[in-house]
Protein backbone atom coordinates (compact mmCIF):
# COMPACT_ATOMS: atom_id res chain seq x y z
CA MET A 1 -63.64 1.49 11.35
CA PRO A 2 -64.59 -2.04 10.23
CA ASP A 3 -62.88 -4.97 12.02
CA ASN A 4 -61.67 -6.32 8.67
CA ILE A 5 -59.15 -4.02 7.00
CA LEU A 6 -59.33 -6.14 3.82
CA GLU A 7 -62.02 -8.38 2.31
CA VAL A 8 -61.44 -10.39 -0.87
CA ARG A 9 -64.44 -11.85 -2.70
CA GLY A 10 -64.19 -14.17 -5.68
CA LEU A 11 -60.78 -12.79 -6.71
CA LYS A 12 -59.48 -14.06 -10.05
CA LYS A 13 -56.40 -13.12 -12.06
CA HIS A 14 -56.05 -14.86 -15.42
CA PHE A 15 -53.31 -14.12 -17.96
CA ASP A 16 -54.18 -14.51 -21.65
CA LEU A 17 -51.24 -16.30 -23.27
CA GLY A 18 -52.84 -16.65 -26.70
CA LYS A 19 -53.04 -20.45 -26.42
CA GLY A 20 -55.32 -20.21 -23.39
CA ALA A 21 -55.79 -18.45 -20.07
CA LEU A 22 -53.29 -19.07 -17.27
CA LYS A 23 -55.41 -19.12 -14.12
CA ALA A 24 -52.86 -17.77 -11.65
CA VAL A 25 -55.52 -16.86 -9.05
CA ASP A 26 -58.87 -18.58 -9.42
CA GLY A 27 -61.64 -17.49 -7.07
CA LEU A 28 -60.20 -16.55 -3.67
CA ASN A 29 -62.33 -15.50 -0.69
CA PHE A 30 -60.74 -14.34 2.56
CA GLU A 31 -60.52 -11.40 4.95
CA ILE A 32 -57.72 -9.89 7.01
CA ARG A 33 -58.50 -8.38 10.40
CA ARG A 34 -57.04 -5.08 11.48
CA GLY A 35 -53.69 -5.56 13.24
CA GLU A 36 -53.20 -9.24 12.40
CA THR A 37 -50.72 -11.08 10.18
CA LEU A 38 -52.17 -13.47 7.61
CA GLY A 39 -49.58 -15.86 6.20
CA LEU A 40 -50.07 -17.16 2.65
CA VAL A 41 -48.14 -20.32 1.75
CA GLY A 42 -47.85 -22.85 -1.05
CA GLU A 43 -45.45 -24.27 -3.62
CA SER A 44 -43.71 -22.05 -6.17
CA GLY A 45 -46.16 -21.21 -8.96
CA CYS A 46 -49.31 -21.60 -6.84
CA GLY A 47 -50.24 -17.93 -7.36
CA LYS A 48 -49.50 -16.48 -3.93
CA SER A 49 -47.30 -13.61 -5.22
CA THR A 50 -49.90 -12.84 -7.89
CA VAL A 51 -52.46 -12.43 -5.08
CA GLY A 52 -50.30 -9.75 -3.45
CA LYS A 53 -49.66 -7.88 -6.70
CA THR A 54 -53.37 -7.99 -7.61
CA LEU A 55 -54.43 -6.68 -4.19
CA ILE A 56 -52.13 -3.67 -4.53
CA ARG A 57 -53.28 -3.16 -8.14
CA LEU A 58 -49.95 -3.87 -9.85
CA TYR A 59 -52.20 -6.32 -11.75
CA GLU A 60 -55.82 -5.55 -12.56
CA PRO A 61 -58.12 -8.32 -11.27
CA THR A 62 -59.86 -10.40 -13.95
CA GLU A 63 -62.87 -10.82 -11.69
CA GLY A 64 -63.93 -10.35 -8.08
CA GLU A 65 -63.96 -7.57 -5.53
CA ILE A 66 -61.32 -6.12 -3.18
CA VAL A 67 -62.73 -4.17 -0.24
CA PHE A 68 -60.26 -2.05 1.76
CA ASN A 69 -61.37 -0.19 4.89
CA GLY A 70 -64.99 -0.89 3.95
CA LYS A 71 -64.72 0.54 0.41
CA SER A 72 -64.63 -1.37 -2.87
CA VAL A 73 -61.29 -0.53 -4.54
CA SER A 74 -62.79 -0.67 -8.05
CA LYS A 75 -65.41 1.98 -7.11
CA MET A 76 -63.04 4.48 -5.48
CA ASN A 77 -62.79 8.01 -6.86
CA ALA A 78 -59.38 9.63 -7.59
CA LYS A 79 -58.96 10.97 -4.05
CA GLU A 80 -59.87 7.61 -2.48
CA GLN A 81 -57.51 5.80 -4.88
CA ARG A 82 -54.66 8.05 -3.76
CA GLU A 83 -55.47 7.34 -0.13
CA PHE A 84 -55.61 3.61 -0.91
CA THR A 85 -52.13 3.63 -2.50
CA ARG A 86 -50.80 5.45 0.57
CA ASN A 87 -52.37 3.01 3.03
CA MET A 88 -51.30 -0.20 1.25
CA GLN A 89 -47.60 -0.74 0.57
CA MET A 90 -45.47 -3.69 -0.55
CA VAL A 91 -42.09 -5.15 0.40
CA PHE A 92 -40.72 -7.13 -2.56
CA GLN A 93 -38.91 -10.46 -2.73
CA ASP A 94 -35.70 -9.21 -4.38
CA PRO A 95 -34.36 -6.29 -2.34
CA TYR A 96 -31.86 -5.29 -5.05
CA ALA A 97 -34.14 -5.38 -8.11
CA SER A 98 -36.79 -3.30 -6.30
CA LEU A 99 -34.39 -0.41 -5.47
CA ASN A 100 -33.35 2.18 -8.06
CA PRO A 101 -29.53 1.82 -8.36
CA ARG A 102 -29.15 5.48 -9.45
CA MET A 103 -30.83 6.92 -6.35
CA THR A 104 -29.34 7.35 -2.89
CA VAL A 105 -30.98 5.48 -0.04
CA GLY A 106 -32.31 8.74 1.37
CA ASP A 107 -34.06 9.60 -1.90
CA ILE A 108 -35.40 6.03 -2.30
CA ILE A 109 -37.01 6.18 1.14
CA ALA A 110 -38.31 9.74 0.59
CA GLU A 111 -39.82 9.06 -2.86
CA GLY A 112 -43.27 8.26 -1.47
CA ILE A 113 -43.04 11.19 0.95
CA ASP A 114 -42.41 13.52 -2.01
CA ILE A 115 -45.21 12.03 -4.14
CA HIS A 116 -47.78 12.44 -1.36
CA GLY A 117 -46.35 15.77 -0.17
CA LEU A 118 -46.10 14.65 3.46
CA TYR A 119 -42.87 16.34 4.59
CA LYS A 120 -40.56 19.00 3.14
CA GLY A 121 -37.12 20.43 3.89
CA LYS A 122 -35.79 19.71 7.38
CA LYS A 123 -38.80 17.57 8.38
CA ARG A 124 -38.29 15.38 5.30
CA LYS A 125 -34.67 14.75 6.28
CA GLU A 126 -35.66 14.02 9.90
CA ARG A 127 -38.31 11.56 8.71
CA VAL A 128 -35.78 9.68 6.53
CA LEU A 129 -33.25 9.47 9.38
CA GLN A 130 -35.98 8.25 11.78
CA LEU A 131 -37.00 5.53 9.31
CA LEU A 132 -33.39 4.41 8.93
CA ALA A 133 -33.13 4.15 12.71
CA ASP A 134 -36.45 2.23 12.89
CA VAL A 135 -35.08 -0.49 10.57
CA GLY A 136 -31.66 -0.68 12.23
CA LEU A 137 -29.56 1.41 9.83
CA ASN A 138 -27.33 4.43 10.49
CA PRO A 139 -27.81 8.10 9.47
CA GLU A 140 -24.76 8.02 7.15
CA HIS A 141 -26.44 5.29 5.09
CA ALA A 142 -28.81 7.91 3.63
CA GLY A 143 -26.14 9.19 1.22
CA ARG A 144 -25.09 5.78 -0.09
CA PHE A 145 -26.37 3.74 -3.05
CA PRO A 146 -28.07 0.29 -2.96
CA HIS A 147 -25.04 -1.62 -4.34
CA GLU A 148 -23.06 -0.63 -1.23
CA PHE A 149 -25.27 -2.75 1.05
CA SER A 150 -25.72 -6.43 1.86
CA GLY A 151 -28.94 -8.27 0.98
CA GLY A 152 -30.28 -7.98 4.52
CA GLN A 153 -29.52 -4.24 4.64
CA ARG A 154 -31.20 -3.71 1.26
CA GLN A 155 -34.32 -5.45 2.51
CA ARG A 156 -34.31 -3.09 5.51
CA ILE A 157 -34.18 -0.17 3.06
CA GLY A 158 -37.19 -1.66 1.24
CA ILE A 159 -39.07 -1.92 4.54
CA ALA A 160 -38.19 1.71 5.41
CA ARG A 161 -39.48 2.83 2.00
CA ALA A 162 -42.77 0.98 2.60
CA LEU A 163 -43.14 2.59 6.04
CA ALA A 164 -42.29 6.11 4.83
CA ILE A 165 -45.85 7.17 4.03
CA GLU A 166 -47.33 5.67 7.20
CA PRO A 167 -49.40 2.85 5.68
CA GLN A 168 -51.93 0.73 7.55
CA PHE A 169 -51.36 -2.46 5.56
CA ILE A 170 -48.17 -4.04 4.16
CA ILE A 171 -47.92 -6.93 1.69
CA ALA A 172 -44.62 -8.73 2.28
CA ASP A 173 -43.95 -10.83 -0.84
CA GLU A 174 -41.44 -13.51 0.20
CA PRO A 175 -39.31 -10.83 1.89
CA ILE A 176 -36.79 -13.29 3.38
CA SER A 177 -36.40 -15.91 0.62
CA ALA A 178 -33.42 -14.12 -1.00
CA LEU A 179 -31.60 -13.64 2.33
CA ASP A 180 -29.06 -15.75 4.21
CA VAL A 181 -30.58 -17.95 6.93
CA SER A 182 -28.66 -16.00 9.60
CA VAL A 183 -30.31 -12.75 8.43
CA GLN A 184 -33.85 -14.12 7.97
CA ALA A 185 -34.65 -14.23 11.71
CA GLN A 186 -33.43 -10.64 12.15
CA VAL A 187 -35.74 -9.40 9.39
CA ILE A 188 -38.70 -11.39 10.79
CA ASN A 189 -38.09 -9.86 14.24
CA LEU A 190 -37.91 -6.42 12.62
CA PHE A 191 -41.32 -6.99 10.97
CA GLN A 192 -42.82 -7.99 14.31
CA ASN A 193 -41.34 -5.00 16.18
CA LEU A 194 -42.55 -2.56 13.52
CA GLN A 195 -46.03 -4.10 13.65
CA LYS A 196 -46.23 -3.39 17.40
CA GLN A 197 -44.82 0.15 17.04
CA HIS A 198 -47.01 1.26 14.14
CA GLY A 199 -50.13 -0.92 14.51
CA LEU A 200 -49.59 -2.50 11.09
CA THR A 201 -51.52 -5.29 9.37
CA TYR A 202 -49.55 -7.76 7.22
CA LEU A 203 -50.18 -10.18 4.40
CA PHE A 204 -47.02 -12.28 4.67
CA ILE A 205 -46.37 -14.39 1.57
CA ALA A 206 -43.76 -17.15 1.90
CA HIS A 207 -42.95 -20.80 1.33
CA ASP A 208 -40.93 -21.30 4.53
CA LEU A 209 -43.61 -22.86 6.72
CA ALA A 210 -41.58 -22.72 9.94
CA MET A 211 -41.00 -18.97 9.54
CA VAL A 212 -44.65 -18.35 8.59
CA LYS A 213 -45.80 -20.08 11.77
CA HIS A 214 -43.52 -17.80 13.80
CA ILE A 215 -44.95 -14.54 12.43
CA SER A 216 -48.59 -15.32 11.46
CA ASP A 217 -51.83 -15.19 13.43
CA ARG A 218 -53.67 -17.13 10.71
CA ILE A 219 -52.39 -19.03 7.66
CA GLY A 220 -53.95 -19.66 4.26
CA VAL A 221 -52.67 -22.51 2.09
CA MET A 222 -52.81 -22.14 -1.71
CA TYR A 223 -52.63 -24.80 -4.40
CA LEU A 224 -52.81 -24.08 -8.14
CA GLY A 225 -54.51 -20.69 -7.79
CA LYS A 226 -57.02 -21.76 -5.13
CA LEU A 227 -57.19 -21.45 -1.36
CA VAL A 228 -57.49 -24.97 0.11
CA GLU A 229 -57.23 -24.31 3.86
CA LEU A 230 -57.43 -21.34 6.23
CA THR A 231 -57.18 -21.29 10.02
CA THR A 232 -55.09 -20.04 12.94
CA SER A 233 -51.37 -20.76 12.95
CA GLU A 234 -51.60 -23.05 16.00
CA GLU A 235 -54.57 -25.00 14.63
CA LEU A 236 -53.01 -25.50 11.19
CA TYR A 237 -49.85 -27.04 12.61
CA ALA A 238 -51.64 -29.11 15.27
CA ASN A 239 -54.51 -30.35 13.09
CA PRO A 240 -54.02 -29.91 9.30
CA LEU A 241 -57.13 -31.10 7.47
CA HIS A 242 -56.38 -30.84 3.74
CA PRO A 243 -54.12 -33.61 2.34
CA TYR A 244 -51.96 -30.97 0.64
CA THR A 245 -51.42 -29.10 3.93
CA GLN A 246 -50.57 -32.40 5.63
CA SER A 247 -47.91 -33.14 3.00
CA LEU A 248 -46.41 -29.64 3.29
CA LEU A 249 -46.14 -29.86 7.07
CA SER A 250 -44.63 -33.34 6.94
CA ALA A 251 -41.72 -31.89 4.93
CA ILE A 252 -40.66 -29.49 7.73
CA PRO A 253 -37.58 -30.92 9.47
CA ILE A 254 -37.86 -31.36 13.26
CA PRO A 255 -34.70 -30.46 15.25
CA ASP A 256 -34.84 -33.70 17.26
CA PRO A 257 -32.96 -36.62 15.64
CA ASP A 258 -35.06 -39.29 17.40
CA VAL A 259 -38.40 -37.76 16.33
CA GLU A 260 -37.11 -36.96 12.83
CA ARG A 261 -35.92 -40.55 12.34
CA THR A 262 -39.24 -42.15 13.27
CA ARG A 263 -41.86 -39.78 11.87
CA GLU A 264 -43.66 -40.55 8.64
CA ARG A 265 -43.18 -38.28 5.64
CA ILE A 266 -46.00 -37.82 3.11
CA ILE A 267 -44.39 -38.00 -0.33
CA LEU A 268 -46.59 -36.65 -3.12
CA GLU A 269 -46.57 -38.49 -6.43
CA GLY A 270 -46.48 -36.73 -9.79
CA GLU A 271 -45.91 -33.13 -10.89
CA VAL A 272 -47.94 -30.00 -10.16
CA PRO A 273 -50.48 -29.69 -13.03
CA SER A 274 -50.22 -26.73 -15.40
CA PRO A 275 -52.43 -23.75 -14.52
CA LEU A 276 -53.06 -23.51 -18.28
CA ASN A 277 -54.83 -26.87 -18.14
CA PRO A 278 -55.84 -27.60 -14.52
CA PRO A 279 -57.55 -30.90 -13.63
CA SER A 280 -61.35 -31.03 -13.44
CA GLY A 281 -62.90 -30.87 -10.00
CA CYS A 282 -60.35 -30.57 -7.20
CA PRO A 283 -57.01 -29.30 -8.56
CA PHE A 284 -55.09 -31.47 -6.06
CA ARG A 285 -56.79 -34.76 -6.97
CA THR A 286 -54.04 -35.90 -9.41
CA ARG A 287 -51.54 -36.02 -6.52
CA CYS A 288 -53.87 -36.75 -3.61
CA PRO A 289 -53.56 -40.14 -1.83
CA HIS A 290 -57.27 -39.93 -0.85
CA ALA A 291 -58.72 -38.99 -4.28
CA MET A 292 -62.25 -40.30 -4.99
CA GLN A 293 -64.54 -40.15 -8.04
CA VAL A 294 -66.35 -37.08 -6.69
CA CYS A 295 -62.99 -35.22 -6.62
CA ALA A 296 -62.81 -35.42 -10.43
CA GLU A 297 -66.40 -34.24 -10.85
CA THR A 298 -66.76 -31.18 -8.60
CA MET A 299 -64.50 -28.63 -6.95
CA PRO A 300 -65.07 -28.93 -3.18
CA PRO A 301 -66.32 -25.66 -1.64
CA MET A 302 -64.55 -24.02 1.29
CA LYS A 303 -66.35 -25.29 4.40
CA GLU A 304 -65.94 -24.48 8.08
CA ILE A 305 -65.15 -27.89 9.60
CA LYS A 306 -64.41 -26.51 13.07
CA PRO A 307 -64.92 -22.96 14.38
CA GLY A 308 -62.45 -20.80 12.45
CA HIS A 309 -61.00 -23.75 10.50
CA ILE A 310 -61.99 -23.75 6.82
CA THR A 311 -60.92 -26.23 4.15
CA ALA A 312 -61.91 -27.32 0.63
CA CYS A 313 -61.91 -31.12 0.58
CA HIS A 314 -64.49 -33.84 -0.14
CA LEU A 315 -63.16 -35.86 2.81
CA TYR A 316 -65.15 -33.58 5.15
């Protein structure tokens, strides 16, 4: 088995709106190693959720290549495609909208099992009850409907459904953003426990930087459809290189009043440009305090500034 479970090369997803192309994802290159968690962060509208939906083929890529377990997804035959859909699953942002209100929880969880013909009869029921136990729910919950549960419980049901067909890779698309703060930590701990139990690999999409640091091995930062920085979680927080990453991290509150009072915040000027009409060169240059003439002329390539620390900025 290759070390990288997923490789993304030149991935683009553009939406034709008639008056121009909305460049939601515009040329991403990254890989995810087997068993790790890659966090993907950025402001709302930067394209991070579109990345997840394009990887799992809810959207067809406009351009680029997705390689999963050493095979190009676009070149897979029917049998390989079926195996791909089994091995890559998604946990959605809204736990209520993603669950069929007319189905019981047991049938929601077992839907993938039935489609792939994995378990039948008594074994199917045992598998559903085991999955409920794995995510912290009770056996009697199998006969209830989604509206009878809290937001945190519904997200647990969504996680159980994703686990049902024993995937290798899970895309978690802002899985805690719709939950109460008190429930978020419980769900994050559940993700981590399940990763250890089942040897899972995660792409964890979020905008809560503190939570992403807690769960991720490496973190990628997106701005206006492009990846601007990628490194380990510890390195990103200790030594952010890209001006956009620096501004994001400066906005995280520190639970020490003395430090919080004296530290310097980086306040960005102006609005996020439209992905319908992005700036020339570096997309961040219109808000960057360090912008130079070269920033307007050419898009900086992703460069390895330190071992394992990659960024796209003309400052380096």
